[in-house]
Amino acid sequence: MSKNFEKFKRYYEEGLWSKQKLYNVVGKRTGITPEEYEIITGETYIPEN
């Protein structure tokens, strides 16, 4: 798991972060992986072109 996975998961679950905010940190240096996004949201990560 990424360094911030648990923290970002908690932010999302507590309503502090929207799905869009979580999407925005996927692939960033201190963010999460596409797979972790899917674990947290239950939705498939689809990268923007």
PDB file of N, CA and C in Angstrom:
ATOM      1  N   MET A   1       0.829  -1.188   0.000  1.00  0.00           N
ATOM      2  CA  MET A   1       0.000   0.000   0.000  1.00  0.00           C
ATOM      3  C   MET A   1       0.880   1.260   0.000  1.00  0.00           C
ATOM      4  N   SER A   2       0.356   2.284  -0.623  1.00  0.00           N
ATOM      5  CA  SER A   2       1.066   3.554  -0.659  1.00  0.00           C
ATOM      6  C   SER A   2       1.139   4.156   0.738  1.00  0.00           C
ATOM      7  N   LYS A   3       2.115   5.010   0.918  1.00  0.00           N
ATOM      8  CA  LYS A   3       2.355   5.647   2.209  1.00  0.00           C
ATOM      9  C   LYS A   3       1.090   6.324   2.761  1.00  0.00           C
ATOM     10  N   ASN A   4       0.333   6.975   1.899  1.00  0.00           N
ATOM     11  CA  ASN A   4      -0.827   7.748   2.352  1.00  0.00           C
ATOM     12  C   ASN A   4      -2.166   7.049   2.152  1.00  0.00           C
ATOM     13  N   PHE A   5      -2.138   5.769   1.788  1.00  0.00           N
ATOM     14  CA  PHE A   5      -3.388   5.058   1.503  1.00  0.00           C
ATOM     15  C   PHE A   5      -4.389   5.154   2.649  1.00  0.00           C
ATOM     16  N   GLU A   6      -3.987   4.775   3.832  1.00  0.00           N
ATOM     17  CA  GLU A   6      -4.907   4.763   4.977  1.00  0.00           C
ATOM     18  C   GLU A   6      -5.440   6.164   5.289  1.00  0.00           C
ATOM     19  N   LYS A   7      -4.570   7.144   5.206  1.00  0.00           N
ATOM     20  CA  LYS A   7      -4.976   8.521   5.494  1.00  0.00           C
ATOM     21  C   LYS A   7      -5.998   9.008   4.467  1.00  0.00           C
ATOM     22  N   PHE A   8      -5.717   8.804   3.188  1.00  0.00           N
ATOM     23  CA  PHE A   8      -6.630   9.263   2.149  1.00  0.00           C
ATOM     24  C   PHE A   8      -7.941   8.490   2.186  1.00  0.00           C
ATOM     25  N   LYS A   9      -7.872   7.209   2.522  1.00  0.00           N
ATOM     26  CA  LYS A   9      -9.081   6.386   2.662  1.00  0.00           C
ATOM     27  C   LYS A   9      -9.965   6.949   3.767  1.00  0.00           C
ATOM     28  N   ARG A  10      -9.349   7.303   4.872  1.00  0.00           N
ATOM     29  CA  ARG A  10     -10.097   7.881   5.988  1.00  0.00           C
ATOM     30  C   ARG A  10     -10.714   9.220   5.587  1.00  0.00           C
ATOM     31  N   TYR A  11      -9.960  10.062   4.903  1.00  0.00           N
ATOM     32  CA  TYR A  11     -10.490  11.352   4.438  1.00  0.00           C
ATOM     33  C   TYR A  11     -11.739  11.141   3.588  1.00  0.00           C
ATOM     34  N   TYR A  12     -11.674  10.177   2.679  1.00  0.00           N
ATOM     35  CA  TYR A  12     -12.798   9.904   1.788  1.00  0.00           C
ATOM     36  C   TYR A  12     -13.989   9.362   2.572  1.00  0.00           C
ATOM     37  N   GLU A  13     -13.744   8.407   3.437  1.00  0.00           N
ATOM     38  CA  GLU A  13     -14.822   7.789   4.212  1.00  0.00           C
ATOM     39  C   GLU A  13     -15.492   8.773   5.160  1.00  0.00           C
ATOM     40  N   GLU A  14     -14.731   9.722   5.672  1.00  0.00           N
ATOM     41  CA  GLU A  14     -15.295  10.709   6.591  1.00  0.00           C
ATOM     42  C   GLU A  14     -15.924  11.900   5.863  1.00  0.00           C
ATOM     43  N   GLY A  15     -15.856  11.893   4.537  1.00  0.00           N
ATOM     44  CA  GLY A  15     -16.461  12.957   3.753  1.00  0.00           C
ATOM     45  C   GLY A  15     -15.622  14.216   3.652  1.00  0.00           C
ATOM     46  N   LEU A  16     -14.354  14.125   4.067  1.00  0.00           N
ATOM     47  CA  LEU A  16     -13.477  15.284   3.985  1.00  0.00           C
ATOM     48  C   LEU A  16     -12.965  15.494   2.567  1.00  0.00           C
ATOM     49  N   TRP A  17     -12.872  14.406   1.815  1.00  0.00           N
ATOM     50  CA  TRP A  17     -12.427  14.460   0.429  1.00  0.00           C
ATOM     51  C   TRP A  17     -13.522  13.899  -0.467  1.00  0.00           C
ATOM     52  N   SER A  18     -13.701  14.531  -1.606  1.00  0.00           N
ATOM     53  CA  SER A  18     -14.636  14.030  -2.614  1.00  0.00           C
ATOM     54  C   SER A  18     -13.937  12.965  -3.456  1.00  0.00           C
ATOM     55  N   LYS A  19     -14.724  12.274  -4.259  1.00  0.00           N
ATOM     56  CA  LYS A  19     -14.159  11.291  -5.173  1.00  0.00           C
ATOM     57  C   LYS A  19     -13.212  11.974  -6.161  1.00  0.00           C
ATOM     58  N   GLN A  20     -13.547  13.199  -6.572  1.00  0.00           N
ATOM     59  CA  GLN A  20     -12.700  13.936  -7.514  1.00  0.00           C
ATOM     60  C   GLN A  20     -11.350  14.274  -6.879  1.00  0.00           C
ATOM     61  N   LYS A  21     -11.359  14.684  -5.623  1.00  0.00           N
ATOM     62  CA  LYS A  21     -10.107  14.998  -4.927  1.00  0.00           C
ATOM     63  C   LYS A  21      -9.227  13.749  -4.853  1.00  0.00           C
ATOM     64  N   LEU A  22      -9.833  12.628  -4.541  1.00  0.00           N
ATOM     65  CA  LEU A  22      -9.101  11.372  -4.478  1.00  0.00           C
ATOM     66  C   LEU A  22      -8.548  11.011  -5.858  1.00  0.00           C
ATOM     67  N   TYR A  23      -9.362  11.201  -6.882  1.00  0.00           N
ATOM     68  CA  TYR A  23      -8.937  10.939  -8.262  1.00  0.00           C
ATOM     69  C   TYR A  23      -7.713  11.774  -8.615  1.00  0.00           C
ATOM     70  N   ASN A  24      -7.697  13.011  -8.146  1.00  0.00           N
ATOM     71  CA  ASN A  24      -6.617  13.938  -8.480  1.00  0.00           C
ATOM     72  C   ASN A  24      -5.260  13.541  -7.903  1.00  0.00           C
ATOM     73  N   VAL A  25      -5.225  12.703  -6.882  1.00  0.00           N
ATOM     74  CA  VAL A  25      -3.941  12.304  -6.294  1.00  0.00           C
ATOM     75  C   VAL A  25      -3.430  10.961  -6.811  1.00  0.00           C
ATOM     76  N   VAL A  26      -4.207  10.303  -7.661  1.00  0.00           N
ATOM     77  CA  VAL A  26      -3.764   9.022  -8.226  1.00  0.00           C
ATOM     78  C   VAL A  26      -2.535   9.258  -9.102  1.00  0.00           C
ATOM     79  N   GLY A  27      -1.504   8.481  -8.839  1.00  0.00           N
ATOM     80  CA  GLY A  27      -0.281   8.559  -9.629  1.00  0.00           C
ATOM     81  C   GLY A  27       0.669   9.673  -9.237  1.00  0.00           C
ATOM     82  N   LYS A  28       0.270  10.513  -8.326  1.00  0.00           N
ATOM     83  CA  LYS A  28       1.159  11.580  -7.864  1.00  0.00           C
ATOM     84  C   LYS A  28       2.202  10.989  -6.927  1.00  0.00           C
ATOM     85  N   ARG A  29       3.282  11.713  -6.728  1.00  0.00           N
ATOM     86  CA  ARG A  29       4.393  11.222  -5.904  1.00  0.00           C
ATOM     87  C   ARG A  29       3.948  10.815  -4.505  1.00  0.00           C
ATOM     88  N   THR A  30       3.101  11.589  -3.880  1.00  0.00           N
ATOM     89  CA  THR A  30       2.638  11.259  -2.526  1.00  0.00           C
ATOM     90  C   THR A  30       1.192  10.774  -2.533  1.00  0.00           C
ATOM     91  N   GLY A  31       0.732  10.343  -3.688  1.00  0.00           N
ATOM     92  CA  GLY A  31      -0.664   9.922  -3.830  1.00  0.00           C
ATOM     93  C   GLY A  31      -0.850   8.425  -3.697  1.00  0.00           C
ATOM     94  N   ILE A  32      -1.834   7.926  -4.421  1.00  0.00           N
ATOM     95  CA  ILE A  32      -2.180   6.515  -4.376  1.00  0.00           C
ATOM     96  C   ILE A  32      -2.143   5.934  -5.794  1.00  0.00           C
ATOM     97  N   THR A  33      -2.224   4.617  -5.878  1.00  0.00           N
ATOM     98  CA  THR A  33      -2.233   3.937  -7.168  1.00  0.00           C
ATOM     99  C   THR A  33      -3.668   3.834  -7.691  1.00  0.00           C
ATOM    100  N   PRO A  34      -3.809   3.558  -8.987  1.00  0.00           N
ATOM    101  CA  PRO A  34      -5.160   3.338  -9.518  1.00  0.00           C
ATOM    102  C   PRO A  34      -5.888   2.187  -8.808  1.00  0.00           C
ATOM    103  N   GLU A  35      -5.159   1.158  -8.449  1.00  0.00           N
ATOM    104  CA  GLU A  35      -5.757   0.027  -7.738  1.00  0.00           C
ATOM    105  C   GLU A  35      -6.272   0.449  -6.366  1.00  0.00           C
ATOM    106  N   GLU A  36      -5.524   1.300  -5.682  1.00  0.00           N
ATOM    107  CA  GLU A  36      -5.955   1.777  -4.363  1.00  0.00           C
ATOM    108  C   GLU A  36      -7.187   2.677  -4.489  1.00  0.00           C
ATOM    109  N   TYR A  37      -7.245   3.478  -5.553  1.00  0.00           N
ATOM    110  CA  TYR A  37      -8.434   4.292  -5.819  1.00  0.00           C
ATOM    111  C   TYR A  37      -9.658   3.387  -5.917  1.00  0.00           C
ATOM    112  N   GLU A  38      -9.514   2.283  -6.632  1.00  0.00           N
ATOM    113  CA  GLU A  38     -10.618   1.349  -6.811  1.00  0.00           C
ATOM    114  C   GLU A  38     -11.018   0.683  -5.497  1.00  0.00           C
ATOM    115  N   ILE A  39     -10.042   0.388  -4.646  1.00  0.00           N
ATOM    116  CA  ILE A  39     -10.336  -0.198  -3.332  1.00  0.00           C
ATOM    117  C   ILE A  39     -11.139   0.795  -2.495  1.00  0.00           C
ATOM    118  N   ILE A  40     -10.735   2.035  -2.502  1.00  0.00           N
ATOM    119  CA  ILE A  40     -11.373   3.053  -1.666  1.00  0.00           C
ATOM    120  C   ILE A  40     -12.777   3.400  -2.162  1.00  0.00           C
ATOM    121  N   THR A  41     -12.911   3.617  -3.463  1.00  0.00           N
ATOM    122  CA  THR A  41     -14.196   4.091  -4.003  1.00  0.00           C
ATOM    123  C   THR A  41     -15.118   2.980  -4.470  1.00  0.00           C
ATOM    124  N   GLY A  42     -14.563   1.817  -4.777  1.00  0.00           N
ATOM    125  CA  GLY A  42     -15.370   0.737  -5.328  1.00  0.00           C
ATOM    126  C   GLY A  42     -15.662   0.931  -6.806  1.00  0.00           C
ATOM    127  N   GLU A  43     -14.997   1.907  -7.425  1.00  0.00           N
ATOM    128  CA  GLU A  43     -15.202   2.186  -8.840  1.00  0.00           C
ATOM    129  C   GLU A  43     -13.890   2.035  -9.604  1.00  0.00           C
ATOM    130  N   THR A  44     -14.006   1.701 -10.866  1.00  0.00           N
ATOM    131  CA  THR A  44     -12.832   1.560 -11.725  1.00  0.00           C
ATOM    132  C   THR A  44     -12.207   2.923 -11.976  1.00  0.00           C
ATOM    133  N   TYR A  45     -10.887   2.973 -11.880  1.00  0.00           N
ATOM    134  CA  TYR A  45     -10.156   4.209 -12.196  1.00  0.00           C
ATOM    135  C   TYR A  45      -9.983   4.280 -13.699  1.00  0.00           C
ATOM    136  N   ILE A  46     -10.463   5.353 -14.303  1.00  0.00           N
ATOM    137  CA  ILE A  46     -10.319   5.579 -15.732  1.00  0.00           C
ATOM    138  C   ILE A  46      -9.504   6.855 -15.922  1.00  0.00           C
ATOM    139  N   PRO A  47      -8.265   6.718 -16.424  1.00  0.00           N
ATOM    140  CA  PRO A  47      -7.421   7.909 -16.583  1.00  0.00           C
ATOM    141  C   PRO A  47      -7.982   8.862 -17.634  1.00  0.00           C
ATOM    142  N   GLU A  48      -7.784  10.137 -17.386  1.00  0.00           N
ATOM    143  CA  GLU A  48      -8.180  11.143 -18.370  1.00  0.00           C
ATOM    144  C   GLU A  48      -7.167  11.143 -19.498  1.00  0.00           C
ATOM    145  N   ASN A  49      -7.627  11.407 -20.677  1.00  0.00           N
ATOM    146  CA  ASN A  49      -6.710  11.451 -21.829  1.00  0.00           C
ATOM    147  C   ASN A  49      -6.179  12.829 -22.042  1.00  0.00           C
TER     148      ASN A  49
END
